Amino acid sequence: MPLARTASGLAYEVGQAAKGLIARGDPGLSFNAFRLRVAKALNNGYTDELTDAATPFINREAKAQGAFYSKTCDLAVEHKVFDEAYEKAGDLAQSELVALKKEADDVARRSRSRSGTRRAPVPPRKP
């Protein structure tokens, strides 16, 4: 059974269950609202931020989706899917740090030359 169909069915079930607790004429929880609350619950320890008739359904779906994402993440790490991107990001960050250090040194050097003061030489360290 496709995941979207299952989630859609669950959202419908939640909407129907919540209708009895909501004022007449209120359409209940839409599928998009359900998905949004499940996504927020995934980032909140599989717990819905709101407490209403839909909360048990939201929490149950968040736990199911969390298991799916955890398994997917474990497989990606196992097959080293992110290693190349991690290395590229590290190299980029390192090059940015080097450029920033060079710029800071240039600013300090210009500042010293404008003020007319020179830095005292640093004595060599003993081994």
N, C-alpha and C. Protein backbone atom coordinates (compact mmCIF):
# COMPACT_ATOMS: atom_id res chain seq x y z
N MET A 1 0.85 -1.18 0.00
CA MET A 1 0.00 0.00 0.00
C MET A 1 0.89 1.24 0.00
N PRO A 2 0.70 2.16 -0.92
CA PRO A 2 1.54 3.36 -0.98
C PRO A 2 1.42 4.18 0.29
N LEU A 3 2.52 4.82 0.64
CA LEU A 3 2.58 5.60 1.86
C LEU A 3 1.59 6.75 1.83
N ALA A 4 1.49 7.45 0.69
CA ALA A 4 0.60 8.60 0.59
C ALA A 4 -0.86 8.19 0.80
N ARG A 5 -1.25 7.03 0.26
CA ARG A 5 -2.61 6.58 0.42
C ARG A 5 -2.89 6.27 1.89
N THR A 6 -1.93 5.67 2.56
CA THR A 6 -2.08 5.35 3.97
C THR A 6 -2.21 6.63 4.78
N ALA A 7 -1.33 7.60 4.53
CA ALA A 7 -1.37 8.86 5.26
C ALA A 7 -2.66 9.61 4.96
N SER A 8 -3.11 9.56 3.70
CA SER A 8 -4.35 10.22 3.33
C SER A 8 -5.53 9.59 4.05
N GLY A 9 -5.54 8.27 4.10
CA GLY A 9 -6.61 7.57 4.82
C GLY A 9 -6.61 7.89 6.29
N LEU A 10 -5.42 7.98 6.87
CA LEU A 10 -5.31 8.31 8.28
C LEU A 10 -5.78 9.74 8.52
N ALA A 11 -5.44 10.64 7.61
CA ALA A 11 -5.89 12.03 7.75
C ALA A 11 -7.41 12.11 7.70
N TYR A 12 -8.02 11.33 6.81
CA TYR A 12 -9.48 11.29 6.73
C TYR A 12 -10.06 10.77 8.04
N GLU A 13 -9.45 9.70 8.56
CA GLU A 13 -9.91 9.11 9.82
C GLU A 13 -9.81 10.13 10.96
N VAL A 14 -8.71 10.87 10.99
CA VAL A 14 -8.53 11.91 12.01
C VAL A 14 -9.58 12.98 11.86
N GLY A 15 -9.83 13.40 10.63
CA GLY A 15 -10.84 14.43 10.39
C GLY A 15 -12.21 13.98 10.85
N GLN A 16 -12.55 12.72 10.59
CA GLN A 16 -13.84 12.20 11.01
C GLN A 16 -13.92 12.10 12.53
N ALA A 17 -12.83 11.64 13.17
CA ALA A 17 -12.83 11.50 14.63
C ALA A 17 -12.92 12.86 15.31
N ALA A 18 -12.31 13.87 14.69
CA ALA A 18 -12.30 15.20 15.30
C ALA A 18 -13.60 15.95 15.08
N LYS A 19 -14.41 15.54 14.11
CA LYS A 19 -15.64 16.27 13.82
C LYS A 19 -16.60 16.30 15.00
N GLY A 20 -16.62 15.22 15.79
CA GLY A 20 -17.51 15.18 16.93
C GLY A 20 -17.10 16.13 18.04
N LEU A 21 -15.85 16.53 18.05
CA LEU A 21 -15.36 17.41 19.11
C LEU A 21 -15.28 18.86 18.67
N ILE A 22 -15.55 19.12 17.41
CA ILE A 22 -15.46 20.47 16.87
C ILE A 22 -16.86 20.98 16.58
N ALA A 23 -17.00 22.28 16.58
CA ALA A 23 -18.32 22.87 16.33
C ALA A 23 -18.88 22.41 14.99
N ARG A 24 -20.22 22.35 14.91
CA ARG A 24 -20.87 21.91 13.68
C ARG A 24 -20.47 22.81 12.50
N GLY A 25 -20.30 22.19 11.37
CA GLY A 25 -19.98 22.92 10.17
C GLY A 25 -18.48 23.08 9.94
N ASP A 26 -17.67 22.82 10.94
CA ASP A 26 -16.21 22.91 10.78
C ASP A 26 -15.75 21.67 10.02
N PRO A 27 -14.98 21.82 8.95
CA PRO A 27 -14.62 20.67 8.12
C PRO A 27 -13.63 19.71 8.77
N GLY A 28 -13.07 20.03 9.91
CA GLY A 28 -12.10 19.13 10.53
C GLY A 28 -10.70 19.39 10.03
N LEU A 29 -9.84 18.41 10.16
CA LEU A 29 -8.42 18.54 9.82
C LEU A 29 -8.20 18.14 8.36
N SER A 30 -7.61 19.04 7.57
CA SER A 30 -7.34 18.73 6.16
C SER A 30 -6.09 17.84 6.07
N PHE A 31 -5.89 17.24 4.92
CA PHE A 31 -4.73 16.38 4.71
C PHE A 31 -3.43 17.19 4.83
N ASN A 32 -3.42 18.40 4.27
CA ASN A 32 -2.22 19.24 4.36
C ASN A 32 -1.92 19.64 5.79
N ALA A 33 -2.95 19.97 6.56
CA ALA A 33 -2.75 20.32 7.97
C ALA A 33 -2.24 19.11 8.75
N PHE A 34 -2.76 17.94 8.41
CA PHE A 34 -2.30 16.70 9.05
C PHE A 34 -0.82 16.47 8.75
N ARG A 35 -0.44 16.60 7.47
CA ARG A 35 0.97 16.40 7.10
C ARG A 35 1.88 17.39 7.78
N LEU A 36 1.44 18.64 7.88
CA LEU A 36 2.24 19.67 8.53
C LEU A 36 2.44 19.35 10.01
N ARG A 37 1.39 18.90 10.66
CA ARG A 37 1.51 18.57 12.09
C ARG A 37 2.36 17.33 12.31
N VAL A 38 2.31 16.37 11.40
CA VAL A 38 3.18 15.20 11.50
C VAL A 38 4.64 15.62 11.33
N ALA A 39 4.90 16.50 10.37
CA ALA A 39 6.27 16.98 10.16
C ALA A 39 6.80 17.70 11.38
N LYS A 40 5.98 18.53 12.00
CA LYS A 40 6.41 19.22 13.22
C LYS A 40 6.63 18.24 14.36
N ALA A 41 5.81 17.22 14.43
CA ALA A 41 5.96 16.21 15.48
C ALA A 41 7.26 15.42 15.29
N LEU A 42 7.67 15.20 14.05
CA LEU A 42 8.94 14.51 13.80
C LEU A 42 10.11 15.27 14.41
N ASN A 43 10.04 16.59 14.39
CA ASN A 43 11.10 17.42 14.96
C ASN A 43 10.90 17.68 16.44
N ASN A 44 9.82 17.17 16.99
CA ASN A 44 9.49 17.43 18.39
C ASN A 44 9.45 16.12 19.19
N GLY A 45 10.28 15.17 18.83
CA GLY A 45 10.33 13.91 19.57
C GLY A 45 9.10 13.04 19.35
N TYR A 46 8.53 13.08 18.16
CA TYR A 46 7.36 12.30 17.79
C TYR A 46 6.13 12.66 18.63
N THR A 47 6.07 13.91 19.07
CA THR A 47 4.96 14.37 19.89
C THR A 47 4.34 15.60 19.25
N ASP A 48 3.03 15.59 19.11
CA ASP A 48 2.32 16.71 18.52
C ASP A 48 2.39 17.91 19.45
N GLU A 49 2.54 19.10 18.87
CA GLU A 49 2.62 20.32 19.67
C GLU A 49 1.27 20.73 20.24
N LEU A 50 0.21 20.35 19.55
CA LEU A 50 -1.14 20.67 19.99
C LEU A 50 -1.74 19.46 20.71
N THR A 51 -2.73 19.72 21.52
CA THR A 51 -3.45 18.62 22.19
C THR A 51 -4.92 18.76 21.82
N ASP A 52 -5.36 17.89 20.93
CA ASP A 52 -6.76 17.87 20.54
C ASP A 52 -7.12 16.45 20.13
N ALA A 53 -8.24 16.29 19.47
CA ALA A 53 -8.69 14.95 19.10
C ALA A 53 -7.76 14.28 18.10
N ALA A 54 -7.01 15.06 17.33
CA ALA A 54 -6.13 14.50 16.31
C ALA A 54 -4.77 14.09 16.87
N THR A 55 -4.43 14.52 18.06
CA THR A 55 -3.10 14.28 18.62
C THR A 55 -2.67 12.81 18.63
N PRO A 56 -3.49 11.86 19.07
CA PRO A 56 -3.04 10.46 19.05
C PRO A 56 -2.70 9.96 17.64
N PHE A 57 -3.47 10.41 16.65
CA PHE A 57 -3.22 10.01 15.27
C PHE A 57 -1.93 10.63 14.74
N ILE A 58 -1.72 11.89 15.10
CA ILE A 58 -0.51 12.61 14.68
C ILE A 58 0.72 11.91 15.27
N ASN A 59 0.66 11.61 16.57
CA ASN A 59 1.80 10.96 17.24
C ASN A 59 2.09 9.59 16.64
N ARG A 60 1.05 8.83 16.36
CA ARG A 60 1.22 7.49 15.79
C ARG A 60 1.87 7.56 14.41
N GLU A 61 1.41 8.49 13.57
CA GLU A 61 1.98 8.63 12.23
C GLU A 61 3.41 9.16 12.29
N ALA A 62 3.69 10.07 13.23
CA ALA A 62 5.04 10.61 13.38
C ALA A 62 6.02 9.49 13.76
N LYS A 63 5.60 8.60 14.64
CA LYS A 63 6.47 7.48 15.01
C LYS A 63 6.73 6.56 13.82
N ALA A 64 5.70 6.31 13.03
CA ALA A 64 5.86 5.46 11.85
C ALA A 64 6.79 6.11 10.83
N GLN A 65 6.58 7.40 10.58
CA GLN A 65 7.44 8.11 9.63
C GLN A 65 8.87 8.22 10.16
N GLY A 66 9.02 8.41 11.47
CA GLY A 66 10.34 8.50 12.08
C GLY A 66 11.13 7.22 11.88
N ALA A 67 10.46 6.08 12.01
CA ALA A 67 11.13 4.80 11.78
C ALA A 67 11.60 4.69 10.33
N PHE A 68 10.76 5.14 9.41
CA PHE A 68 11.13 5.12 7.99
C PHE A 68 12.36 5.99 7.73
N TYR A 69 12.34 7.23 8.25
CA TYR A 69 13.47 8.14 8.02
C TYR A 69 14.74 7.65 8.70
N SER A 70 14.61 7.06 9.87
CA SER A 70 15.79 6.54 10.56
C SER A 70 16.43 5.41 9.76
N LYS A 71 15.60 4.53 9.23
CA LYS A 71 16.12 3.42 8.43
C LYS A 71 16.79 3.95 7.16
N THR A 72 16.17 4.92 6.51
CA THR A 72 16.75 5.52 5.30
C THR A 72 18.08 6.19 5.61
N CYS A 73 18.14 6.92 6.71
CA CYS A 73 19.38 7.60 7.09
C CYS A 73 20.48 6.59 7.39
N ASP A 74 20.14 5.52 8.12
CA ASP A 74 21.13 4.49 8.43
C ASP A 74 21.70 3.85 7.17
N LEU A 75 20.83 3.58 6.20
CA LEU A 75 21.29 3.01 4.93
C LEU A 75 22.19 3.98 4.17
N ALA A 76 21.84 5.26 4.19
CA ALA A 76 22.65 6.26 3.49
C ALA A 76 24.03 6.37 4.13
N VAL A 77 24.08 6.34 5.44
CA VAL A 77 25.37 6.41 6.13
C VAL A 77 26.18 5.14 5.86
N GLU A 78 25.51 4.01 5.89
CA GLU A 78 26.18 2.72 5.65
C GLU A 78 26.81 2.67 4.26
N HIS A 79 26.12 3.24 3.27
CA HIS A 79 26.62 3.22 1.90
C HIS A 79 27.40 4.47 1.54
N LYS A 80 27.72 5.28 2.53
CA LYS A 80 28.57 6.46 2.40
C LYS A 80 28.05 7.44 1.34
N VAL A 81 26.74 7.66 1.36
CA VAL A 81 26.11 8.55 0.39
C VAL A 81 26.55 10.00 0.63
N PHE A 82 26.75 10.38 1.90
CA PHE A 82 27.03 11.77 2.22
C PHE A 82 28.52 12.08 2.36
N ASP A 83 29.38 11.10 2.24
CA ASP A 83 30.81 11.33 2.48
C ASP A 83 31.42 12.36 1.53
N GLU A 84 31.12 12.26 0.25
CA GLU A 84 31.69 13.19 -0.72
C GLU A 84 31.21 14.62 -0.46
N ALA A 85 29.92 14.77 -0.18
CA ALA A 85 29.38 16.10 0.11
C ALA A 85 29.98 16.65 1.40
N TYR A 86 30.19 15.80 2.38
CA TYR A 86 30.78 16.21 3.65
C TYR A 86 32.21 16.71 3.43
N GLU A 87 32.97 15.99 2.62
CA GLU A 87 34.34 16.40 2.34
C GLU A 87 34.38 17.72 1.58
N LYS A 88 33.50 17.89 0.61
CA LYS A 88 33.45 19.14 -0.15
C LYS A 88 33.08 20.31 0.76
N ALA A 89 32.13 20.10 1.65
CA ALA A 89 31.74 21.16 2.57
C ALA A 89 32.89 21.51 3.51
N GLY A 90 33.63 20.51 3.96
CA GLY A 90 34.78 20.76 4.82
C GLY A 90 35.87 21.53 4.10
N ASP A 91 36.13 21.16 2.85
CA ASP A 91 37.15 21.88 2.06
C ASP A 91 36.73 23.32 1.82
N LEU A 92 35.46 23.53 1.51
CA LEU A 92 34.96 24.89 1.29
C LEU A 92 35.09 25.72 2.56
N ALA A 93 34.70 25.15 3.69
CA ALA A 93 34.80 25.87 4.95
C ALA A 93 36.26 26.20 5.27
N GLN A 94 37.16 25.27 5.01
CA GLN A 94 38.58 25.51 5.27
C GLN A 94 39.11 26.64 4.41
N SER A 95 38.75 26.65 3.13
CA SER A 95 39.23 27.71 2.25
C SER A 95 38.66 29.07 2.66
N GLU A 96 37.41 29.09 3.13
CA GLU A 96 36.82 30.34 3.61
C GLU A 96 37.53 30.83 4.87
N LEU A 97 37.91 29.91 5.74
CA LEU A 97 38.65 30.28 6.94
C LEU A 97 40.02 30.86 6.61
N VAL A 98 40.69 30.25 5.65
CA VAL A 98 42.01 30.75 5.24
C VAL A 98 41.87 32.16 4.66
N ALA A 99 40.86 32.38 3.82
CA ALA A 99 40.65 33.70 3.23
C ALA A 99 40.31 34.73 4.30
N LEU A 100 39.49 34.34 5.26
CA LEU A 100 39.13 35.24 6.35
C LEU A 100 40.33 35.59 7.21
N LYS A 101 41.18 34.62 7.50
CA LYS A 101 42.39 34.85 8.28
C LYS A 101 43.31 35.82 7.54
N LYS A 102 43.47 35.61 6.23
CA LYS A 102 44.33 36.50 5.43
C LYS A 102 43.79 37.92 5.45
N GLU A 103 42.48 38.06 5.30
CA GLU A 103 41.87 39.39 5.32
C GLU A 103 42.05 40.05 6.69
N ALA A 104 41.89 39.30 7.76
CA ALA A 104 42.08 39.85 9.10
C ALA A 104 43.53 40.30 9.31
N ASP A 105 44.46 39.52 8.82
CA ASP A 105 45.88 39.90 8.91
C ASP A 105 46.16 41.17 8.13
N ASP A 106 45.57 41.30 6.94
CA ASP A 106 45.75 42.51 6.13
C ASP A 106 45.19 43.74 6.84
N VAL A 107 44.02 43.60 7.43
CA VAL A 107 43.40 44.71 8.15
C VAL A 107 44.27 45.10 9.34
N ALA A 108 44.78 44.14 10.07
CA ALA A 108 45.63 44.43 11.23
C ALA A 108 46.92 45.11 10.78
N ARG A 109 47.50 44.66 9.69
CA ARG A 109 48.73 45.24 9.18
C ARG A 109 48.50 46.69 8.75
N ARG A 110 47.41 46.95 8.03
CA ARG A 110 47.10 48.32 7.61
C ARG A 110 46.82 49.21 8.80
N SER A 111 46.15 48.67 9.80
CA SER A 111 45.86 49.43 11.00
C SER A 111 47.14 49.84 11.72
N ARG A 112 48.07 48.92 11.82
CA ARG A 112 49.35 49.23 12.47
C ARG A 112 50.15 50.24 11.66
N SER A 113 50.12 50.14 10.34
CA SER A 113 50.90 51.07 9.52
C SER A 113 50.31 52.48 9.58
N ARG A 114 49.01 52.61 9.72
CA ARG A 114 48.37 53.93 9.81
C ARG A 114 48.63 54.58 11.16
N SER A 115 48.69 53.79 12.20
CA SER A 115 48.89 54.35 13.54
C SER A 115 50.35 54.68 13.80
N GLY A 116 51.24 54.20 12.97
CA GLY A 116 52.65 54.50 13.12
C GLY A 116 53.33 53.63 14.17
N THR A 117 52.62 52.72 14.76
CA THR A 117 53.24 51.85 15.76
C THR A 117 53.60 50.54 15.11
N ARG A 118 54.64 50.00 15.62
CA ARG A 118 55.07 48.69 15.12
C ARG A 118 54.95 47.70 16.25
N ARG A 119 54.71 46.52 15.90
CA ARG A 119 54.64 45.45 16.88
C ARG A 119 56.03 45.07 17.33
N ALA A 120 56.16 44.81 18.60
CA ALA A 120 57.44 44.35 19.10
C ALA A 120 57.67 42.92 18.62
N PRO A 121 58.89 42.58 18.26
CA PRO A 121 59.14 41.22 17.81
C PRO A 121 58.91 40.21 18.93
N VAL A 122 58.39 39.09 18.56
CA VAL A 122 58.12 38.02 19.52
C VAL A 122 59.35 37.16 19.65
N PRO A 123 59.83 36.94 20.88
CA PRO A 123 61.02 36.11 21.03
C PRO A 123 60.71 34.66 20.67
N PRO A 124 61.69 33.95 20.14
CA PRO A 124 61.44 32.54 19.76
C PRO A 124 61.17 31.70 21.01
N ARG A 125 60.35 30.67 20.81
CA ARG A 125 60.02 29.76 21.92
C ARG A 125 61.13 28.76 22.10
N LYS A 126 61.31 28.37 23.34
CA LYS A 126 62.29 27.33 23.62
C LYS A 126 61.64 25.97 23.44
N PRO A 127 62.38 25.03 22.84
CA PRO A 127 61.77 23.70 22.59
C PRO A 127 61.56 22.91 23.84
